[in-house]
Protein backbone atom coordinates (compact mmCIF):
# COMPACT_ATOMS: atom_id res chain seq x y z
CA UNK A 1 61.11 85.18 99.35
CA UNK A 2 62.29 87.52 102.17
CA UNK A 3 65.97 86.53 103.42
CA UNK A 4 67.44 86.42 106.83
CA UNK A 5 71.08 86.08 107.53
CA UNK A 6 72.26 83.31 109.86
CA UNK A 7 72.23 83.49 113.60
CA UNK A 8 74.70 85.49 115.22
CA UNK A 9 74.82 82.85 117.63
CA UNK A 10 73.51 78.63 117.97
CA UNK A 11 72.59 77.55 121.30
CA UNK A 12 72.67 74.14 121.39
CA UNK A 13 76.34 74.12 119.83
CA UNK A 14 78.66 75.46 122.95
CA UNK A 15 81.42 77.85 121.20
CA UNK A 16 84.79 75.48 120.46
CA UNK A 17 87.63 78.23 119.89
CA UNK A 18 89.31 77.10 117.00
CA UNK A 19 90.77 73.53 118.79
CA UNK A 20 90.48 71.73 115.97
CA UNK A 21 93.59 69.85 113.74
CA UNK A 22 92.00 70.92 110.41
CA UNK A 23 89.57 72.77 108.54
CA UNK A 24 87.42 69.56 107.47
CA UNK A 25 86.93 68.69 111.68
CA UNK A 26 86.48 72.77 111.66
CA UNK A 27 83.41 72.55 109.14
CA UNK A 28 82.27 69.20 110.51
CA UNK A 29 82.04 70.75 113.90
CA UNK A 30 80.43 74.32 112.57
CA UNK A 31 77.99 72.25 110.24
CA UNK A 32 75.87 71.42 113.38
CA UNK A 33 74.97 75.04 114.30
CA UNK A 34 73.14 77.82 112.87
CA UNK A 35 75.87 80.06 111.91
CA UNK A 36 76.83 80.71 108.56
CA UNK A 37 78.04 83.40 105.43
CA UNK A 38 75.60 86.01 104.31
CA UNK A 39 76.67 88.30 101.21
CA UNK A 40 75.63 91.73 100.77
CA UNK A 41 75.85 94.41 97.24
CA UNK A 42 76.80 97.50 97.47
CA UNK A 43 73.70 98.79 99.33
CA UNK A 44 73.85 96.78 101.71
CA UNK A 45 70.93 94.44 100.27
CA UNK A 46 71.49 90.77 101.18
CA UNK A 47 71.34 88.38 98.29
CA UNK A 48 72.28 84.77 99.59
CA UNK A 49 72.81 82.96 102.68
CA UNK A 50 74.71 80.18 103.06
CA UNK A 51 74.53 78.27 106.99
CA UNK A 52 77.42 75.98 107.33
CA UNK A 53 75.50 72.82 107.50
CA UNK A 54 74.78 73.62 104.11
CA UNK A 55 78.35 74.74 103.07
CA UNK A 56 79.46 71.28 104.31
CA UNK A 57 77.01 69.24 102.40
CA UNK A 58 77.89 71.43 99.13
CA UNK A 59 81.67 71.06 99.98
CA UNK A 60 81.15 67.73 99.57
CA UNK A 61 79.48 66.57 96.79
CA UNK A 62 82.03 68.83 95.25
CA UNK A 63 84.73 66.87 96.65
CA UNK A 64 83.10 63.72 95.07
CA UNK A 65 83.55 65.16 91.75
CA UNK A 66 86.93 66.35 92.17
CA UNK A 67 87.98 63.13 92.90
CA UNK A 68 86.07 61.27 90.49
CA UNK A 69 87.06 63.71 87.76
CA UNK A 70 90.68 61.91 88.23
CA UNK A 71 92.07 65.13 90.68
CA UNK A 72 95.56 63.26 92.22
CA UNK A 73 95.50 63.46 95.75
CA UNK A 74 97.85 66.70 96.97
CA UNK A 75 96.94 67.81 92.87
CA UNK A 76 96.04 72.36 93.12
CA UNK A 77 93.37 74.27 92.27
CA UNK A 78 93.69 77.31 91.37
CA UNK A 79 90.63 79.68 91.92
CA UNK A 80 89.79 83.39 91.21
CA UNK A 81 89.63 83.85 94.48
CA UNK A 82 86.35 86.70 94.33
CA UNK A 83 83.64 86.90 97.65
CA UNK A 84 81.67 84.56 95.85
CA UNK A 85 80.07 81.47 97.63
CA UNK A 86 80.63 79.00 94.62
CA UNK A 87 84.31 79.78 95.12
CA UNK A 88 84.39 79.32 98.76
CA UNK A 89 82.26 76.41 98.66
CA UNK A 90 85.05 75.54 96.50
CA UNK A 91 87.64 76.12 98.47
CA UNK A 92 86.45 73.95 101.40
CA UNK A 93 85.56 71.55 98.97
CA UNK A 94 89.17 70.36 97.97
CA UNK A 95 89.66 70.46 102.09
CA UNK A 96 87.48 66.93 101.74
CA UNK A 97 88.91 65.81 98.49
CA UNK A 98 92.43 66.60 99.59
CA UNK A 99 93.35 69.07 96.75
CA UNK A 100 95.22 72.34 97.73
CA UNK A 101 93.12 75.27 96.97
CA UNK A 102 95.27 78.45 95.44
CA UNK A 103 93.06 81.50 95.49
CA UNK A 104 94.62 84.28 93.50
CA UNK A 105 93.26 87.36 92.87
CA UNK A 106 91.13 88.93 90.84
CA UNK A 107 91.79 91.61 87.90
CA UNK A 108 91.66 95.37 88.71
CA UNK A 109 91.79 98.29 86.61
CA UNK A 110 95.72 98.81 87.21
CA UNK A 111 97.75 97.40 84.77
CA UNK A 112 95.38 96.53 82.22
CA UNK A 113 94.13 93.11 80.90
CA UNK A 114 97.43 91.56 79.14
CA UNK A 115 99.85 91.91 82.49
CA UNK A 116 96.70 90.16 84.73
CA UNK A 117 96.56 86.81 82.29
CA UNK A 118 100.46 87.08 81.94
CA UNK A 119 100.91 87.25 86.12
CA UNK A 120 97.71 84.86 86.39
CA UNK A 121 98.74 82.04 83.88
CA UNK A 122 102.69 82.03 85.51
CA UNK A 123 100.77 81.44 88.76
CA UNK A 124 98.56 78.76 87.43
CA UNK A 125 101.84 77.21 85.51
CA UNK A 126 104.23 77.74 89.03
CA UNK A 127 101.59 76.02 90.63
CA UNK A 128 101.09 72.93 88.51
CA UNK A 129 97.52 73.09 88.31
CA UNK A 130 95.28 70.43 87.44
CA UNK A 131 92.40 72.69 87.74
CA UNK A 132 90.92 76.09 87.29
CA UNK A 133 88.11 77.33 88.39
CA UNK A 134 86.93 81.11 88.05
CA UNK A 135 83.74 83.05 88.57
CA UNK A 136 81.31 83.00 85.56
CA UNK A 137 82.22 86.23 84.68
CA UNK A 138 86.23 86.32 84.73
CA UNK A 139 86.04 83.00 83.25
CA UNK A 140 87.71 84.32 79.65
CA UNK A 141 90.91 86.19 81.52
CA UNK A 142 91.62 82.70 83.25
CA UNK A 143 90.59 80.50 79.60
CA UNK A 144 92.92 83.14 77.88
CA UNK A 145 95.57 82.76 81.02
CA UNK A 146 95.71 78.88 80.47
CA UNK A 147 96.49 78.67 76.97
CA UNK A 148 98.85 76.28 76.15
CA UNK A 149 98.90 74.87 79.52
CA UNK A 150 97.87 71.44 79.99
CA UNK A 151 95.01 71.96 83.07
CA UNK A 152 92.43 69.10 81.96
CA UNK A 153 89.63 70.97 84.13
CA UNK A 154 89.08 74.71 83.72
CA UNK A 155 85.63 75.93 84.54
CA UNK A 156 82.99 78.29 86.87
CA UNK A 157 81.42 76.86 89.75
CA UNK A 158 78.40 76.23 87.69
CA UNK A 159 80.24 74.09 85.39
CA UNK A 160 82.10 71.91 88.55
CA UNK A 161 78.63 72.02 90.27
CA UNK A 162 77.83 69.65 86.96
CA UNK A 163 80.29 66.83 86.95
CA UNK A 164 79.33 63.30 88.07
CA UNK A 165 80.30 62.30 91.21
CA UNK A 166 80.19 58.93 89.73
CA UNK A 167 79.81 57.21 93.44
CA UNK A 168 83.57 58.76 94.52
CA UNK A 169 84.30 58.79 98.24
CA UNK A 170 85.73 62.11 99.95
CA UNK A 171 89.41 61.98 100.94
CA UNK A 172 90.23 64.57 103.69
CA UNK A 173 92.51 66.67 105.05
CA UNK A 174 93.72 65.64 107.96
CA UNK A 175 96.48 67.11 110.75
CA UNK A 176 99.40 66.81 109.14
CA UNK A 177 98.38 66.92 105.48
CA UNK A 178 98.68 69.98 103.18
CA UNK A 179 96.16 72.90 103.59
CA UNK A 180 96.57 75.18 101.30
CA UNK A 181 99.14 77.65 98.28
CA UNK A 182 98.84 81.49 99.68
CA UNK A 183 100.37 83.81 97.17
CA UNK A 184 102.11 86.52 98.93
CA UNK A 185 100.94 90.00 97.58
CA UNK A 186 104.34 90.63 95.42
CA UNK A 187 105.12 93.42 97.51
CA UNK A 188 108.89 93.44 96.63
CA UNK A 189 108.84 90.63 94.44
CA UNK A 190 107.45 88.59 92.03
CA UNK A 191 104.49 86.38 94.01
CA UNK A 192 106.07 83.23 95.31
CA UNK A 193 103.72 80.53 96.51
CA UNK A 194 103.30 80.01 100.26
CA UNK A 195 103.23 76.51 101.32
CA UNK A 196 100.37 76.38 104.44
CA UNK A 197 99.86 73.21 105.96
CA UNK A 198 96.74 71.88 108.41
CA UNK A 199 98.93 72.66 111.55
CA UNK A 200 99.40 75.94 110.56
CA UNK A 201 95.89 77.19 109.66
CA UNK A 202 94.93 75.31 113.43
CA UNK A 203 97.67 77.00 114.97
CA UNK A 204 97.36 80.35 113.72
CA UNK A 205 93.39 80.29 113.86
CA UNK A 206 93.77 79.00 117.95
CA UNK A 207 95.99 81.55 118.36
CA UNK A 208 94.30 84.32 117.14
CA UNK A 209 90.91 83.19 118.37
CA UNK A 210 92.01 82.72 122.06
CA UNK A 211 94.91 84.78 122.64
CA UNK A 212 94.22 87.72 119.86
CA UNK A 213 90.55 88.46 120.04
CA UNK A 214 89.12 86.23 122.74
CA UNK A 215 86.86 84.94 120.74
CA UNK A 216 82.76 84.46 122.40
CA UNK A 217 79.73 83.09 121.97
CA UNK A 218 77.86 86.22 120.58
CA UNK A 219 80.27 87.36 118.23
CA UNK A 220 80.06 88.55 114.86
CA UNK A 221 81.84 89.11 111.63
CA UNK A 222 81.66 91.63 108.94
CA UNK A 223 84.04 91.60 106.23
CA UNK A 224 85.21 93.03 102.38
CA UNK A 225 88.95 92.04 102.98
CA UNK A 226 89.64 89.80 99.42
CA UNK A 227 90.24 86.33 100.06
CA UNK A 228 93.01 85.87 98.11
CA UNK A 229 94.61 87.74 100.78
CA UNK A 230 95.46 86.29 104.15
CA UNK A 231 93.49 88.96 106.36
CA UNK A 232 90.98 88.03 104.29
CA UNK A 233 90.82 84.45 103.93
CA UNK A 234 92.34 83.29 107.30
CA UNK A 235 90.77 86.56 109.34
CA UNK A 236 87.37 86.08 108.31
CA UNK A 237 86.50 83.22 106.20
CA UNK A 238 89.11 80.33 107.99
CA UNK A 239 88.97 81.41 111.46
CA UNK A 240 85.08 82.28 111.69
CA UNK A 241 84.54 78.67 110.22
CA UNK A 242 86.61 77.47 113.04
CA UNK A 243 84.98 79.61 115.20
CA UNK A 244 81.56 78.77 114.27
CA UNK A 245 80.44 82.48 113.97
CA UNK A 246 78.55 83.83 111.24
CA UNK A 247 80.01 86.59 108.81
CA UNK A 248 78.60 89.26 106.64
CA UNK A 249 80.83 90.17 103.79
CA UNK A 250 80.93 92.33 100.85
CA UNK A 251 82.97 92.38 97.80
CA UNK A 252 86.24 94.86 98.26
CA UNK A 253 84.71 96.51 94.90
CA UNK A 254 82.01 97.57 96.76
CA UNK A 255 83.55 98.35 99.49
CA UNK A 256 85.63 100.87 97.86
CA UNK A 257 82.68 102.94 95.61
CA UNK A 258 80.35 102.60 99.22
CA UNK A 259 82.04 101.62 102.15
CA UNK A 260 80.17 103.38 104.75
CA UNK A 261 78.18 99.92 103.88
CA UNK A 262 81.09 98.86 105.63
CA UNK A 263 80.01 100.14 108.86
CA UNK A 264 76.01 99.69 108.03
CA UNK A 265 76.62 95.80 108.08
CA UNK A 266 78.38 95.84 111.42
CA UNK A 267 75.76 98.66 112.34
CA UNK A 268 72.68 96.10 111.33
CA UNK A 269 73.53 92.89 113.05
CA UNK A 270 75.76 94.21 115.81
CA UNK A 271 78.59 92.93 114.32
CA UNK A 272 82.00 92.91 116.95
CA UNK A 273 85.11 91.55 114.78
CA UNK A 274 86.16 93.18 111.72
CA UNK A 275 89.80 94.24 110.38
CA UNK A 276 91.12 97.20 107.92
CA UNK A 277 94.46 98.23 106.10
CA UNK A 278 94.59 101.91 107.42
CA UNK A 279 93.26 102.87 103.44
CA UNK A 280 90.12 101.15 104.94
CA UNK A 281 89.43 103.90 107.89
CA UNK A 282 90.65 106.41 105.41
CA UNK A 283 88.29 105.67 102.79
CA UNK A 284 85.52 106.20 104.96
CA UNK A 285 86.37 109.09 106.53
CA UNK A 286 86.36 110.58 102.54
CA UNK A 287 82.56 109.52 103.26
CA UNK A 288 81.85 110.57 106.65
CA UNK A 289 79.79 113.51 105.94
CA UNK A 290 76.93 111.73 104.42
CA UNK A 291 76.81 108.49 107.96
CA UNK A 292 74.09 111.22 109.14
CA UNK A 293 72.17 109.98 106.60
CA UNK A 294 72.54 106.12 108.07
CA UNK A 295 71.22 104.41 111.15
CA UNK A 296 74.68 104.06 112.63
CA UNK A 297 75.52 102.22 115.33
CA UNK A 298 79.06 101.24 116.57
CA UNK A 299 78.72 100.07 120.10
CA UNK A 300 79.11 96.43 119.37
CA UNK A 301 82.60 96.92 117.39
CA UNK A 302 84.58 95.86 120.11
CA UNK A 303 87.72 94.60 118.21
CA UNK A 304 88.54 97.25 114.72
CA UNK A 305 91.95 95.62 113.71
CA UNK A 306 94.19 97.02 112.08
CA UNK A 307 96.71 94.85 109.82
CA UNK A 308 98.06 94.44 106.04
CA UNK A 309 100.47 97.50 105.82
CA UNK A 310 101.61 100.08 108.09
CA UNK A 311 99.24 101.83 110.16
CA UNK A 312 98.81 105.70 110.48
CA UNK A 313 97.71 107.03 113.32
CA UNK A 314 96.69 110.19 112.45
CA UNK A 315 93.29 108.31 109.55
CA UNK A 316 92.29 106.74 112.87
CA UNK A 317 91.93 109.16 115.00
CA UNK A 318 90.11 110.91 112.31
CA UNK A 319 88.17 108.22 111.92
CA UNK A 320 87.40 107.72 116.13
CA UNK A 321 86.60 111.69 115.74
CA UNK A 322 84.16 110.93 112.97
CA UNK A 323 82.05 108.12 113.91
CA UNK A 324 82.44 108.86 117.83
CA UNK A 325 79.30 110.46 117.71
CA UNK A 326 77.58 107.03 115.68
CA UNK A 327 79.01 104.97 118.83
CA UNK A 328 82.58 103.87 117.99
CA UNK A 329 85.47 103.52 120.59
CA UNK A 330 88.71 104.73 120.82
CA UNK A 331 89.74 101.72 122.55
CA UNK A 332 88.22 99.43 119.86
CA UNK A 333 91.40 99.70 117.69
CA UNK A 334 93.25 96.53 117.45
CA UNK A 335 96.71 97.34 115.71
CA UNK A 336 98.21 94.47 114.78
CA UNK A 337 101.17 92.58 112.72
CA UNK A 338 101.59 89.46 110.34
CA UNK A 339 102.69 88.11 106.94
CA UNK A 340 101.81 85.27 104.69
CA UNK A 341 104.44 83.07 105.61
CA UNK A 342 103.13 83.19 108.94
CA UNK A 343 99.47 81.86 107.65
CA UNK A 344 98.69 85.33 108.59
CA UNK A 345 98.91 86.68 112.57
CA UNK A 346 101.91 87.50 114.34
CA UNK A 347 100.54 89.55 116.93
CA UNK A 348 97.84 91.90 118.87
CA UNK A 349 97.44 94.89 120.79
CA UNK A 350 96.10 93.77 123.84
CA UNK A 351 91.81 94.50 124.01
CA UNK A 352 90.17 98.01 124.43
CA UNK A 353 93.68 99.36 124.90
CA UNK A 354 93.04 101.04 121.14
CA UNK A 355 96.49 102.60 119.28
CA UNK A 356 99.63 102.55 121.73
CA UNK A 357 102.23 105.06 120.16
CA UNK A 358 106.35 104.84 120.72
CA UNK A 359 107.35 108.36 120.21
CA UNK A 360 110.90 107.79 119.56
CA UNK A 361 113.99 110.08 118.55
CA UNK A 362 113.99 110.47 115.03
CA UNK A 363 117.49 111.23 114.42
CA UNK A 364 118.84 108.54 116.78
CA UNK A 365 116.91 105.69 115.00
CA UNK A 366 118.21 106.97 111.26
CA UNK A 367 121.35 107.24 112.46
CA UNK A 368 122.31 104.85 115.42
CA UNK A 369 119.43 102.00 114.95
CA UNK A 370 118.23 102.96 118.65
CA UNK A 371 114.81 103.53 119.34
CA UNK A 372 115.45 106.43 122.06
CA UNK A 373 111.86 107.52 123.52
CA UNK A 374 111.21 111.39 123.55
CA UNK A 375 107.97 111.76 124.86
CA UNK A 376 107.23 115.53 125.02
CA UNK A 377 110.15 116.74 121.63
CA UNK A 378 110.05 118.60 119.34
CA UNK A 379 107.11 117.42 116.65
CA UNK A 380 109.70 118.09 113.98
CA UNK A 381 112.38 115.53 115.29
CA UNK A 382 109.77 112.83 116.79
CA UNK A 383 108.48 109.88 115.13
CA UNK A 384 105.65 108.31 116.39
CA UNK A 385 105.57 104.65 115.60
CA UNK A 386 102.46 102.33 116.38
CA UNK A 387 102.92 99.68 118.46
CA UNK A 388 101.57 96.13 117.06
CA UNK A 389 101.21 94.09 120.93
CA UNK A 390 103.08 90.97 121.79
CA UNK A 391 104.18 87.75 119.51
CA UNK A 392 101.10 85.58 119.85
CA UNK A 393 100.87 82.46 122.74
CA UNK A 394 102.80 79.87 121.36
CA UNK A 395 105.48 81.61 118.69
CA UNK A 396 108.93 83.60 119.35
CA UNK A 397 110.17 86.73 118.26
CA UNK A 398 113.55 87.91 117.76
CA UNK A 399 115.07 91.42 116.32
CA UNK A 400 118.36 90.39 114.93
CA UNK A 401 121.29 92.04 113.31
CA UNK A 402 123.11 91.42 110.07
CA UNK A 403 125.20 88.76 111.44
CA UNK A 404 122.16 87.11 112.92
CA UNK A 405 122.71 87.86 116.61
CA UNK A 406 119.54 88.94 118.86
CA UNK A 407 119.65 92.60 120.08
CA UNK A 408 118.49 94.05 123.30
CA UNK A 409 114.62 96.66 123.52
CA UNK A 410 114.63 99.30 121.43
CA UNK A 411 117.63 98.20 118.59
CA UNK A 412 116.50 98.44 115.49
CA UNK A 413 116.58 95.01 113.42
CA UNK A 414 115.58 92.20 111.75
CA UNK A 415 112.06 90.93 112.96
CA UNK A 416 112.68 86.96 112.68
CA UNK A 417 109.72 84.55 114.58
CA UNK A 418 109.04 80.93 114.85
CA UNK A 419 105.83 79.31 115.86
CA UNK A 420 103.12 76.78 115.18
CA UNK A 421 101.84 79.28 112.23
CA UNK A 422 104.73 79.34 109.91
CA UNK A 423 104.63 77.98 106.41
CA UNK A 424 106.73 74.70 105.36
CA UNK A 425 108.28 76.78 103.00
CA UNK A 426 107.41 78.35 99.13
CA UNK A 427 106.46 75.96 96.59
CA UNK A 428 108.61 74.53 94.19
CA UNK A 429 111.51 76.87 95.10
CA UNK A 430 113.86 75.91 97.89
CA UNK A 431 116.88 78.40 96.92
CA UNK A 432 113.95 81.27 98.45
CA UNK A 433 113.05 78.88 101.37
CA UNK A 434 116.84 78.88 102.58
CA UNK A 435 116.76 82.39 101.99
CA UNK A 436 113.74 83.21 104.74
CA UNK A 437 113.30 80.12 106.41
CA UNK A 438 116.40 78.67 109.15
CA UNK A 439 116.35 74.93 109.42
CA UNK A 440 115.44 75.56 113.30
CA UNK A 441 112.35 77.04 111.89
CA UNK A 442 113.30 80.42 112.09
CA UNK A 443 111.21 82.35 109.63
CA UNK A 444 113.32 86.59 108.81
CA UNK A 445 109.94 88.55 107.79
CA UNK A 446 111.56 91.01 105.86
CA UNK A 447 110.42 94.13 108.38
CA UNK A 448 112.26 95.94 110.29
CA UNK A 449 111.29 96.96 113.88
CA UNK A 450 112.39 96.78 117.61
CA UNK A 451 110.95 95.62 120.85
CA UNK A 452 109.41 97.53 123.58
CA UNK A 453 109.15 95.63 126.34
CA UNK A 454 107.35 92.29 125.33
CA UNK A 455 105.74 94.07 122.10
CA UNK A 456 106.37 94.84 118.63
CA UNK A 457 106.84 97.90 116.44
CA UNK A 458 106.98 97.51 113.14
CA UNK A 459 109.22 100.19 111.15
CA UNK A 460 108.89 98.83 107.62
CA UNK A 461 110.16 96.47 104.80
CA UNK A 462 113.95 96.20 105.20
CA UNK A 463 114.32 96.01 101.50
CA UNK A 464 112.15 99.54 100.84
CA UNK A 465 114.65 101.43 103.88
CA UNK A 466 116.40 104.74 101.67
CA UNK A 467 119.97 105.37 102.96
CA UNK A 468 121.12 108.29 102.43
CA UNK A 469 124.69 109.00 103.50
CA UNK A 470 124.30 106.63 106.44
CA UNK A 471 121.00 107.96 107.49
CA UNK A 472 118.46 105.75 107.37
CA UNK A 473 115.30 107.11 105.89
CA UNK A 474 111.95 105.41 106.10
CA UNK A 475 109.49 105.69 102.83
CA UNK A 476 106.02 105.41 104.04
CA UNK A 477 107.82 108.81 106.21
CA UNK A 478 108.29 110.90 103.17
CA UNK A 479 104.84 109.59 101.44
CA UNK A 480 102.54 109.96 104.20
CA UNK A 481 104.16 113.66 104.52
CA UNK A 482 103.44 114.28 100.88
CA UNK A 483 99.99 112.93 101.05
CA UNK A 484 99.05 115.84 103.73
CA UNK A 485 99.12 118.54 100.70
CA UNK A 486 95.88 119.57 99.89
CA UNK A 487 94.60 118.09 97.11
CA UNK A 488 96.47 114.67 97.59
CA UNK A 489 94.78 111.41 98.85
CA UNK A 490 96.28 108.19 100.63
CA UNK A 491 98.29 105.91 97.63
CA UNK A 492 99.67 109.04 95.78
CA UNK A 493 102.81 109.14 96.68
CA UNK A 494 105.61 106.52 96.10
CA UNK A 495 108.93 106.88 97.67
CA UNK A 496 112.85 104.78 96.65
CA UNK A 497 115.90 105.25 96.35
CA UNK A 498 118.18 105.00 93.14
CA UNK A 499 121.83 104.84 92.04
CA UNK A 500 122.71 108.73 91.63
CA UNK A 501 124.77 109.56 88.19
CA UNK A 502 127.76 111.11 90.64
CA UNK A 503 128.00 108.38 93.23
CA UNK A 504 126.05 107.44 95.96
CA UNK A 505 121.90 107.27 96.44
CA UNK A 506 119.79 109.60 95.30
CA UNK A 507 115.89 109.74 96.19
CA UNK A 508 112.80 109.30 93.84
CA UNK A 509 109.03 110.64 94.85
CA UNK A 510 106.71 110.28 92.28
CA UNK A 511 103.72 111.64 93.22
CA UNK A 512 99.91 111.37 91.44
CA UNK A 513 99.13 114.06 89.76
CA UNK A 514 95.42 115.43 89.06
CA UNK A 515 96.40 119.25 87.57
CA UNK A 516 96.72 119.36 83.86
CA UNK A 517 97.54 122.92 84.10
CA UNK A 518 101.29 123.78 83.85
CA UNK A 519 101.03 126.49 86.68
CA UNK A 520 98.97 124.16 89.21
CA UNK A 521 101.73 121.27 88.47
CA UNK A 522 104.87 123.33 88.86
CA UNK A 523 103.10 124.79 92.45
CA UNK A 524 102.62 121.14 93.31
CA UNK A 525 105.94 120.06 93.10
CA UNK A 526 107.36 122.72 95.25
CA UNK A 527 104.88 122.19 97.56
CA UNK A 528 106.43 118.58 97.74
CA UNK A 529 110.08 119.36 97.79
CA UNK A 530 109.13 121.86 100.50
CA UNK A 531 107.21 119.20 102.68
CA UNK A 532 109.78 116.68 101.96
CA UNK A 533 112.97 119.43 103.01
CA UNK A 534 110.98 119.74 106.56
CA UNK A 535 109.49 116.18 107.14
CA UNK A 536 112.72 114.27 106.56
CA UNK A 537 115.72 116.96 105.51
CA UNK A 538 115.97 115.05 101.52
CA UNK A 539 116.30 116.87 98.38
CA UNK A 540 114.74 114.72 96.07
CA UNK A 541 113.71 114.08 92.35
CA UNK A 542 109.88 114.58 92.28
CA UNK A 543 107.77 113.17 89.18
CA UNK A 544 104.10 113.81 88.63
CA UNK A 545 102.82 111.02 87.44
CA UNK A 546 99.36 110.30 85.99
CA UNK A 547 96.45 108.97 88.69
CA UNK A 548 96.00 105.52 88.87
CA UNK A 549 99.48 104.87 87.62
CA UNK A 550 101.28 103.86 90.89
CA UNK A 551 101.59 100.11 91.01
CA UNK A 552 99.63 98.11 93.55
CA UNK A 553 100.22 94.11 95.15
CA UNK A 554 97.30 92.14 94.56
CA UNK A 555 96.55 93.15 98.32
CA UNK A 556 96.08 96.89 97.42
CA UNK A 557 99.57 97.84 98.66
CA UNK A 558 101.71 100.23 97.20
CA UNK A 559 104.47 98.54 94.43
CA UNK A 560 107.44 100.64 95.89
CA UNK A 561 110.01 97.94 93.47
CA UNK A 562 107.74 97.49 90.65
CA UNK A 563 107.19 101.67 90.94
CA UNK A 564 111.09 101.89 90.66
CA UNK A 565 110.99 99.47 88.08
CA UNK A 566 108.61 101.81 86.21
CA UNK A 567 110.44 104.85 86.77
CA UNK A 568 114.12 103.40 85.30
CA UNK A 569 112.42 101.73 82.02
CA UNK A 570 111.33 105.43 81.78
CA UNK A 571 107.80 105.26 81.99
CA UNK A 572 107.10 108.31 84.10
CA UNK A 573 109.32 110.52 81.85
CA UNK A 574 106.45 112.47 80.34
CA UNK A 575 106.94 115.14 83.26
CA UNK A 576 109.95 117.28 81.78
CA UNK A 577 110.32 119.38 84.62
CA UNK A 578 112.47 116.29 86.96
CA UNK A 579 114.26 114.34 84.72
CA UNK A 580 117.72 113.79 86.25
CA UNK A 581 118.30 112.60 90.18
CA UNK A 582 118.84 115.12 91.99
CA UNK A 583 121.83 114.55 94.56
CA UNK A 584 120.86 113.73 98.12
CA UNK A 585 122.22 115.30 101.88
CA UNK A 586 122.04 114.26 104.81
CA UNK A 587 120.41 116.55 107.47
CA UNK A 588 122.85 118.89 109.49
């Protein structure tokens, strides 16, 4: 039987742009239309189609089973959040059962089984889970993680689907109730459970849909983003649901193998909304030569979002050049900013304006914390930052100094935000909550940036900032410069500072190396040293590490804190030519 994807429009049900108070209300309305979910293989073959009416029917049935199985209201259900129809239905079943779903990451090739199982076990235990679910092929990981824990219900979606309903009634979450527990990516610490209530889901979806993307009838979403990350879960599962939009899904691992399938799906059904971190666009750039073999038409892609990490404008410029022949428009780029603690999004660039850069005096920012614009300066002295747009409607932003005082325009400081999308706090961790969330609702994001007019510029994580002789150095500047060396790829470098045995701080740069010959390794190391001196006038210990040895967070970002911990533990000491940090010096 030939499958047909769900409709892009539902003429009998006018679009309601996320004007709901709960996910249950949103799904009840979406089920009246013809939109829904479509799942594709790496080759773009349609394997599963589920309209929102069927999603609701299946979610209600599973909710009755969970209630009958004795799950207490507000208890937690951990789920390994693959892009799997059964897992996604289970997330919404929890909403009807009055249970908090806890989406967690899949295992990766990095770190090994033992490390993954250990982290998963801590999340299951830390969330106090009553139930745990995984796709059948991942159930052995989950079962191992639950050994020694008192988890009454463990199984696959198929296992839960045969539990008896027993006449139980749903007890749905409504306005004022919890929503779900989202583990942060853990880029600077062990992941914390972020408690997202219904009011935050509703508030963020409404702001994204009505203000950020201005969703309208005829929009269609395409996504490969993981559902255990806020951009995938909120951006491309929950917000489209709240706007009755169809979504075409492929898994993250399939995207990594065949990134052009993402673009093919946009082309096939007239996709208009799709987001990616910078590295997703970079993967497509690497395969751009194969695009001529596909019938690509990207003219319908009106919002090509970028978020999830620091934005690299040169990658986006190459993407625009590579795919302009296939109808891609530069103004379609939509830089944005957000985080799990704010449900997802905090700012969007204006639609149809593309990537706007703010070129500033690199030295003044590093030494004085002032972003002085230099439109036509020496490229060696200018640092262009991507402007990430204005704060979403209903939200507030302030840039603050270390004394918590609001700073004026173009002064570098901590980004603090307030509004309806902000989390309730970290699960069972009042101390961690107090560190970032003030009683008056202001959230310290942990990011550094400045304001240009009413728009936000992000310069990096405050905990990652390298300070050498009073000069601020952004680690991503060092990493991006190194990754431009021939033979290196995005994600091949990690920069951080360590205490120098001779006093002060020293810089360490880890570089993934695929060269085995000693002469070639020496040549690469010399190139890295030269690039660092040219890009930022710093001396550093350069350590060559094997491929796939730089740690990542669950969302695929580089974890500098874990890379630093690995270095200090001696994990990378096989590179005998770099054994002691060199003293760094400030620029003249």
